[in-house]
Amino acid sequence: MQIKCIKTLVLCACLCVLSACTIKPWVKPYERENLADPIMSFESHPTSTRYINHVYEAREAGRGAEGSAGGGCGCN
């Protein structure tokens, strides 16, 4: 009797886990408008943020962490 109960509980747990694996589109087409809003961006001024990151990389020799291009002398 106990083994049957344990098997039933394991089966129910497996079904619950597998039901979370359904394939659904993450972002629906009508929700993309909200995600493309400028308020959803990481930085408010992307140009100035890129410039500050470039200056930081040139001075601290931390090139490549932020993804900006240029030489180590700060001239690019």
PDB file of N, CA and C in Angstrom:
ATOM      1  N   MET A   1       0.826  -1.194   0.000  1.00  0.00           N
ATOM      2  CA  MET A   1       0.000   0.000   0.000  1.00  0.00           C
ATOM      3  C   MET A   1       0.868   1.255   0.000  1.00  0.00           C
ATOM      4  N   GLN A   2       1.947   1.244   0.792  1.00  0.00           N
ATOM      5  CA  GLN A   2       2.815   2.406   0.868  1.00  0.00           C
ATOM      6  C   GLN A   2       3.572   2.618  -0.430  1.00  0.00           C
ATOM      7  N   ILE A   3       3.991   1.555  -1.066  1.00  0.00           N
ATOM      8  CA  ILE A   3       4.739   1.660  -2.313  1.00  0.00           C
ATOM      9  C   ILE A   3       3.861   2.264  -3.406  1.00  0.00           C
ATOM     10  N   LYS A   4       2.586   1.878  -3.440  1.00  0.00           N
ATOM     11  CA  LYS A   4       1.667   2.431  -4.421  1.00  0.00           C
ATOM     12  C   LYS A   4       1.468   3.923  -4.187  1.00  0.00           C
ATOM     13  N   CYS A   5       1.389   4.332  -2.958  1.00  0.00           N
ATOM     14  CA  CYS A   5       1.228   5.753  -2.614  1.00  0.00           C
ATOM     15  C   CYS A   5       2.476   6.547  -3.015  1.00  0.00           C
ATOM     16  N   ILE A   6       3.642   5.989  -2.772  1.00  0.00           N
ATOM     17  CA  ILE A   6       4.892   6.652  -3.137  1.00  0.00           C
ATOM     18  C   ILE A   6       5.003   6.779  -4.657  1.00  0.00           C
ATOM     19  N   LYS A   7       4.638   5.720  -5.382  1.00  0.00           N
ATOM     20  CA  LYS A   7       4.670   5.761  -6.844  1.00  0.00           C
ATOM     21  C   LYS A   7       3.714   6.829  -7.377  1.00  0.00           C
ATOM     22  N   THR A   8       2.546   6.940  -6.777  1.00  0.00           N
ATOM     23  CA  THR A   8       1.582   7.945  -7.195  1.00  0.00           C
ATOM     24  C   THR A   8       2.123   9.359  -6.949  1.00  0.00           C
ATOM     25  N   LEU A   9       2.758   9.572  -5.806  1.00  0.00           N
ATOM     26  CA  LEU A   9       3.327  10.881  -5.500  1.00  0.00           C
ATOM     27  C   LEU A   9       4.472  11.235  -6.451  1.00  0.00           C
ATOM     28  N   VAL A  10       5.305  10.251  -6.770  1.00  0.00           N
ATOM     29  CA  VAL A  10       6.406  10.480  -7.710  1.00  0.00           C
ATOM     30  C   VAL A  10       5.853  10.802  -9.098  1.00  0.00           C
ATOM     31  N   LEU A  11       4.825  10.098  -9.528  1.00  0.00           N
ATOM     32  CA  LEU A  11       4.205  10.352 -10.816  1.00  0.00           C
ATOM     33  C   LEU A  11       3.603  11.751 -10.863  1.00  0.00           C
ATOM     34  N   CYS A  12       2.926  12.149  -9.804  1.00  0.00           N
ATOM     35  CA  CYS A  12       2.350  13.498  -9.753  1.00  0.00           C
ATOM     36  C   CYS A  12       3.446  14.569  -9.776  1.00  0.00           C
ATOM     37  N   ALA A  13       4.533  14.335  -9.064  1.00  0.00           N
ATOM     38  CA  ALA A  13       5.641  15.291  -9.064  1.00  0.00           C
ATOM     39  C   ALA A  13       6.263  15.402 -10.449  1.00  0.00           C
ATOM     40  N   CYS A  14       6.431  14.266 -11.130  1.00  0.00           N
ATOM     41  CA  CYS A  14       6.988  14.286 -12.496  1.00  0.00           C
ATOM     42  C   CYS A  14       6.061  15.029 -13.451  1.00  0.00           C
ATOM     43  N   LEU A  15       4.772  14.830 -13.322  1.00  0.00           N
ATOM     44  CA  LEU A  15       3.823  15.529 -14.181  1.00  0.00           C
ATOM     45  C   LEU A  15       3.849  17.035 -13.929  1.00  0.00           C
ATOM     46  N   CYS A  16       3.984  17.429 -12.692  1.00  0.00           N
ATOM     47  CA  CYS A  16       4.062  18.862 -12.373  1.00  0.00           C
ATOM     48  C   CYS A  16       5.332  19.484 -12.954  1.00  0.00           C
ATOM     49  N   VAL A  17       6.437  18.776 -12.859  1.00  0.00           N
ATOM     50  CA  VAL A  17       7.703  19.288 -13.394  1.00  0.00           C
ATOM     51  C   VAL A  17       7.633  19.372 -14.912  1.00  0.00           C
ATOM     52  N   LEU A  18       7.106  18.356 -15.563  1.00  0.00           N
ATOM     53  CA  LEU A  18       7.023  18.341 -17.021  1.00  0.00           C
ATOM     54  C   LEU A  18       6.011  19.346 -17.567  1.00  0.00           C
ATOM     55  N   SER A  19       5.003  19.681 -16.791  1.00  0.00           N
ATOM     56  CA  SER A  19       4.027  20.655 -17.271  1.00  0.00           C
ATOM     57  C   SER A  19       4.620  22.056 -17.339  1.00  0.00           C
ATOM     58  N   ALA A  20       5.689  22.313 -16.627  1.00  0.00           N
ATOM     59  CA  ALA A  20       6.353  23.618 -16.682  1.00  0.00           C
ATOM     60  C   ALA A  20       7.253  23.733 -17.896  1.00  0.00           C
ATOM     61  N   CYS A  21       7.460  22.670 -18.639  1.00  0.00           N
ATOM     62  CA  CYS A  21       8.359  22.674 -19.793  1.00  0.00           C
ATOM     63  C   CYS A  21       7.632  22.876 -21.110  1.00  0.00           C
ATOM     64  N   THR A  22       6.447  23.421 -21.097  1.00  0.00           N
ATOM     65  CA  THR A  22       5.726  23.638 -22.353  1.00  0.00           C
ATOM     66  C   THR A  22       6.377  24.777 -23.126  1.00  0.00           C
ATOM     67  N   ILE A  23       6.297  24.699 -24.425  1.00  0.00           N
ATOM     68  CA  ILE A  23       6.907  25.706 -25.288  1.00  0.00           C
ATOM     69  C   ILE A  23       5.860  26.764 -25.619  1.00  0.00           C
ATOM     70  N   LYS A  24       6.128  27.988 -25.171  1.00  0.00           N
ATOM     71  CA  LYS A  24       5.267  29.123 -25.462  1.00  0.00           C
ATOM     72  C   LYS A  24       6.163  30.283 -25.871  1.00  0.00           C
ATOM     73  N   PRO A  25       5.682  31.165 -26.722  1.00  0.00           N
ATOM     74  CA  PRO A  25       6.506  32.335 -27.043  1.00  0.00           C
ATOM     75  C   PRO A  25       6.649  33.213 -25.795  1.00  0.00           C
ATOM     76  N   TRP A  26       7.883  33.655 -25.567  1.00  0.00           N
ATOM     77  CA  TRP A  26       8.129  34.432 -24.364  1.00  0.00           C
ATOM     78  C   TRP A  26       7.503  35.817 -24.459  1.00  0.00           C
ATOM     79  N   VAL A  27       7.674  36.466 -25.593  1.00  0.00           N
ATOM     80  CA  VAL A  27       7.135  37.807 -25.760  1.00  0.00           C
ATOM     81  C   VAL A  27       6.142  37.771 -26.910  1.00  0.00           C
ATOM     82  N   LYS A  28       4.942  38.136 -26.601  1.00  0.00           N
ATOM     83  CA  LYS A  28       3.911  38.175 -27.631  1.00  0.00           C
ATOM     84  C   LYS A  28       4.079  39.435 -28.478  1.00  0.00           C
ATOM     85  N   PRO A  29       3.625  39.415 -29.729  1.00  0.00           N
ATOM     86  CA  PRO A  29       3.827  40.582 -30.595  1.00  0.00           C
ATOM     87  C   PRO A  29       3.265  41.874 -30.032  1.00  0.00           C
ATOM     88  N   TYR A  30       2.150  41.816 -29.338  1.00  0.00           N
ATOM     89  CA  TYR A  30       1.574  43.049 -28.805  1.00  0.00           C
ATOM     90  C   TYR A  30       2.301  43.536 -27.548  1.00  0.00           C
ATOM     91  N   GLU A  31       3.162  42.707 -26.945  1.00  0.00           N
ATOM     92  CA  GLU A  31       3.943  43.125 -25.782  1.00  0.00           C
ATOM     93  C   GLU A  31       5.271  43.758 -26.171  1.00  0.00           C
ATOM     94  N   ARG A  32       5.704  43.583 -27.419  1.00  0.00           N
ATOM     95  CA  ARG A  32       6.995  44.114 -27.850  1.00  0.00           C
ATOM     96  C   ARG A  32       7.003  45.631 -27.856  1.00  0.00           C
ATOM     97  N   GLU A  33       5.850  46.239 -28.025  1.00  0.00           N
ATOM     98  CA  GLU A  33       5.761  47.695 -27.993  1.00  0.00           C
ATOM     99  C   GLU A  33       6.198  48.232 -26.632  1.00  0.00           C
ATOM    100  N   ASN A  34       5.819  47.560 -25.571  1.00  0.00           N
ATOM    101  CA  ASN A  34       6.186  48.010 -24.229  1.00  0.00           C
ATOM    102  C   ASN A  34       7.664  47.793 -23.944  1.00  0.00           C
ATOM    103  N   LEU A  35       8.247  46.720 -24.487  1.00  0.00           N
ATOM    104  CA  LEU A  35       9.652  46.440 -24.247  1.00  0.00           C
ATOM    105  C   LEU A  35      10.571  47.341 -25.062  1.00  0.00           C
ATOM    106  N   ALA A  36      10.071  47.898 -26.164  1.00  0.00           N
ATOM    107  CA  ALA A  36      10.875  48.790 -26.990  1.00  0.00           C
ATOM    108  C   ALA A  36      10.823  50.233 -26.485  1.00  0.00           C
ATOM    109  N   ASP A  37      10.151  50.478 -25.391  1.00  0.00           N
ATOM    110  CA  ASP A  37      10.057  51.821 -24.821  1.00  0.00           C
ATOM    111  C   ASP A  37      11.438  52.285 -24.369  1.00  0.00           C
ATOM    112  N   PRO A  38      11.823  53.528 -24.623  1.00  0.00           N
ATOM    113  CA  PRO A  38      13.146  54.013 -24.214  1.00  0.00           C
ATOM    114  C   PRO A  38      13.400  53.917 -22.709  1.00  0.00           C
ATOM    115  N   ILE A  39      12.375  53.890 -21.912  1.00  0.00           N
ATOM    116  CA  ILE A  39      12.572  53.808 -20.464  1.00  0.00           C
ATOM    117  C   ILE A  39      13.099  52.438 -20.051  1.00  0.00           C
ATOM    118  N   MET A  40      12.998  51.448 -20.964  1.00  0.00           N
ATOM    119  CA  MET A  40      13.480  50.105 -20.658  1.00  0.00           C
ATOM    120  C   MET A  40      14.970  49.930 -20.944  1.00  0.00           C
ATOM    121  N   SER A  41      15.648  50.959 -21.465  1.00  0.00           N
ATOM    122  CA  SER A  41      17.071  50.827 -21.770  1.00  0.00           C
ATOM    123  C   SER A  41      17.898  50.908 -20.490  1.00  0.00           C
ATOM    124  N   PHE A  42      19.128  50.378 -20.541  1.00  0.00           N
ATOM    125  CA  PHE A  42      19.971  50.322 -19.359  1.00  0.00           C
ATOM    126  C   PHE A  42      20.533  51.685 -18.991  1.00  0.00           C
ATOM    127  N   GLU A  43      20.886  52.483 -19.984  1.00  0.00           N
ATOM    128  CA  GLU A  43      21.444  53.795 -19.691  1.00  0.00           C
ATOM    129  C   GLU A  43      20.581  54.861 -20.341  1.00  0.00           C
ATOM    130  N   SER A  44      20.498  56.022 -19.707  1.00  0.00           N
ATOM    131  CA  SER A  44      19.646  57.078 -20.235  1.00  0.00           C
ATOM    132  C   SER A  44      20.309  57.817 -21.384  1.00  0.00           C
ATOM    133  N   HIS A  45      21.644  57.904 -21.402  1.00  0.00           N
ATOM    134  CA  HIS A  45      22.383  58.570 -22.460  1.00  0.00           C
ATOM    135  C   HIS A  45      23.437  57.607 -23.002  1.00  0.00           C
ATOM    136  N   PRO A  46      23.103  56.788 -24.002  1.00  0.00           N
ATOM    137  CA  PRO A  46      24.038  55.758 -24.464  1.00  0.00           C
ATOM    138  C   PRO A  46      25.327  56.320 -25.054  1.00  0.00           C
ATOM    139  N   THR A  47      25.274  57.485 -25.713  1.00  0.00           N
ATOM    140  CA  THR A  47      26.486  58.042 -26.312  1.00  0.00           C
ATOM    141  C   THR A  47      27.470  58.474 -25.246  1.00  0.00           C
ATOM    142  N   SER A  48      26.978  59.171 -24.225  1.00  0.00           N
ATOM    143  CA  SER A  48      27.886  59.608 -23.161  1.00  0.00           C
ATOM    144  C   SER A  48      28.394  58.423 -22.344  1.00  0.00           C
ATOM    145  N   THR A  49      27.580  57.394 -22.188  1.00  0.00           N
ATOM    146  CA  THR A  49      28.031  56.205 -21.474  1.00  0.00           C
ATOM    147  C   THR A  49      29.154  55.510 -22.231  1.00  0.00           C
ATOM    148  N   ARG A  50      29.027  55.410 -23.585  1.00  0.00           N
ATOM    149  CA  ARG A  50      30.099  54.825 -24.387  1.00  0.00           C
ATOM    150  C   ARG A  50      31.382  55.634 -24.284  1.00  0.00           C
ATOM    151  N   TYR A  51      31.267  56.956 -24.271  1.00  0.00           N
ATOM    152  CA  TYR A  51      32.447  57.807 -24.167  1.00  0.00           C
ATOM    153  C   TYR A  51      33.136  57.617 -22.810  1.00  0.00           C
ATOM    154  N   ILE A  52      32.370  57.631 -21.743  1.00  0.00           N
ATOM    155  CA  ILE A  52      32.940  57.452 -20.397  1.00  0.00           C
ATOM    156  C   ILE A  52      33.598  56.084 -20.279  1.00  0.00           C
ATOM    157  N   ASN A  53      32.986  55.048 -20.837  1.00  0.00           N
ATOM    158  CA  ASN A  53      33.583  53.706 -20.803  1.00  0.00           C
ATOM    159  C   ASN A  53      34.886  53.664 -21.588  1.00  0.00           C
ATOM    160  N   HIS A  54      34.922  54.369 -22.718  1.00  0.00           N
ATOM    161  CA  HIS A  54      36.149  54.403 -23.517  1.00  0.00           C
ATOM    162  C   HIS A  54      37.268  55.097 -22.748  1.00  0.00           C
ATOM    163  N   VAL A  55      36.961  56.213 -22.102  1.00  0.00           N
ATOM    164  CA  VAL A  55      37.966  56.929 -21.316  1.00  0.00           C
ATOM    165  C   VAL A  55      38.451  56.058 -20.163  1.00  0.00           C
ATOM    166  N   TYR A  56      37.540  55.376 -19.511  1.00  0.00           N
ATOM    167  CA  TYR A  56      37.919  54.501 -18.399  1.00  0.00           C
ATOM    168  C   TYR A  56      38.847  53.386 -18.875  1.00  0.00           C
ATOM    169  N   GLU A  57      38.510  52.775 -20.021  1.00  0.00           N
ATOM    170  CA  GLU A  57      39.354  51.693 -20.549  1.00  0.00           C
ATOM    171  C   GLU A  57      40.737  52.204 -20.918  1.00  0.00           C
ATOM    172  N   ALA A  58      40.808  53.413 -21.480  1.00  0.00           N
ATOM    173  CA  ALA A  58      42.098  53.953 -21.894  1.00  0.00           C
ATOM    174  C   ALA A  58      42.968  54.278 -20.682  1.00  0.00           C
ATOM    175  N   ARG A  59      42.378  54.749 -19.623  1.00  0.00           N
ATOM    176  CA  ARG A  59      43.161  55.154 -18.450  1.00  0.00           C
ATOM    177  C   ARG A  59      43.490  53.987 -17.520  1.00  0.00           C
ATOM    178  N   GLU A  60      42.591  53.064 -17.405  1.00  0.00           N
ATOM    179  CA  GLU A  60      42.773  51.970 -16.452  1.00  0.00           C
ATOM    180  C   GLU A  60      43.318  50.700 -17.093  1.00  0.00           C
ATOM    181  N   ALA A  61      43.525  50.718 -18.386  1.00  0.00           N
ATOM    182  CA  ALA A  61      43.992  49.554 -19.137  1.00  0.00           C
ATOM    183  C   ALA A  61      43.049  48.375 -18.950  1.00  0.00           C
ATOM    184  N   GLY A  62      41.780  48.665 -18.830  1.00  0.00           N
ATOM    185  CA  GLY A  62      40.766  47.621 -18.689  1.00  0.00           C
ATOM    186  C   GLY A  62      40.036  47.418 -19.990  1.00  0.00           C
ATOM    187  N   ARG A  63      40.754  47.169 -21.062  1.00  0.00           N
ATOM    188  CA  ARG A  63      40.177  47.100 -22.395  1.00  0.00           C
ATOM    189  C   ARG A  63      39.353  45.829 -22.581  1.00  0.00           C
ATOM    190  N   GLY A  64      38.206  46.000 -23.240  1.00  0.00           N
ATOM    191  CA  GLY A  64      37.393  44.866 -23.636  1.00  0.00           C
ATOM    192  C   GLY A  64      36.249  44.540 -22.706  1.00  0.00           C
ATOM    193  N   ALA A  65      36.231  45.071 -21.526  1.00  0.00           N
ATOM    194  CA  ALA A  65      35.170  44.710 -20.593  1.00  0.00           C
ATOM    195  C   ALA A  65      33.847  45.352 -20.961  1.00  0.00           C
ATOM    196  N   GLU A  66      33.889  46.539 -21.544  1.00  0.00           N
ATOM    197  CA  GLU A  66      32.654  47.240 -21.868  1.00  0.00           C
ATOM    198  C   GLU A  66      32.285  47.160 -23.338  1.00  0.00           C
ATOM    199  N   GLY A  67      33.182  46.699 -24.180  1.00  0.00           N
ATOM    200  CA  GLY A  67      32.864  46.512 -25.573  1.00  0.00           C
ATOM    201  C   GLY A  67      33.123  47.705 -26.474  1.00  0.00           C
ATOM    202  N   SER A  68      33.761  48.760 -26.004  1.00  0.00           N
ATOM    203  CA  SER A  68      34.047  49.891 -26.884  1.00  0.00           C
ATOM    204  C   SER A  68      35.354  49.659 -27.624  1.00  0.00           C
ATOM    205  N   ALA A  69      35.514  50.356 -28.752  1.00  0.00           N
ATOM    206  CA  ALA A  69      36.695  50.171 -29.581  1.00  0.00           C
ATOM    207  C   ALA A  69      37.664  51.341 -29.373  1.00  0.00           C
ATOM    208  N   GLY A  70      38.911  51.119 -29.703  1.00  0.00           N
ATOM    209  CA  GLY A  70      39.902  52.190 -29.631  1.00  0.00           C
ATOM    210  C   GLY A  70      41.216  51.698 -29.089  1.00  0.00           C
ATOM    211  N   GLY A  71      42.203  52.563 -29.185  1.00  0.00           N
ATOM    212  CA  GLY A  71      43.530  52.205 -28.707  1.00  0.00           C
ATOM    213  C   GLY A  71      43.713  52.482 -27.230  1.00  0.00           C
ATOM    214  N   GLY A  72      44.837  52.061 -26.694  1.00  0.00           N
ATOM    215  CA  GLY A  72      45.118  52.258 -25.268  1.00  0.00           C
ATOM    216  C   GLY A  72      45.552  53.680 -24.938  1.00  0.00           C
ATOM    217  N   CYS A  73      45.906  54.471 -25.979  1.00  0.00           N
ATOM    218  CA  CYS A  73      46.371  55.835 -25.716  1.00  0.00           C
ATOM    219  C   CYS A  73      45.234  56.809 -25.527  1.00  0.00           C
ATOM    220  N   GLY A  74      44.003  56.423 -25.871  1.00  0.00           N
ATOM    221  CA  GLY A  74      42.862  57.312 -25.722  1.00  0.00           C
ATOM    222  C   GLY A  74      42.643  58.196 -26.920  1.00  0.00           C
ATOM    223  N   CYS A  75      43.320  57.950 -28.017  1.00  0.00           N
ATOM    224  CA  CYS A  75      43.196  58.818 -29.188  1.00  0.00           C
ATOM    225  C   CYS A  75      42.110  58.384 -30.159  1.00  0.00           C
ATOM    226  N   ASN A  76      41.553  57.206 -30.004  1.00  0.00           N
ATOM    227  CA  ASN A  76      40.512  56.759 -30.946  1.00  0.00           C
ATOM    228  C   ASN A  76      39.154  56.937 -30.349  1.00  0.00           C
TER     229      ASN A  76
END
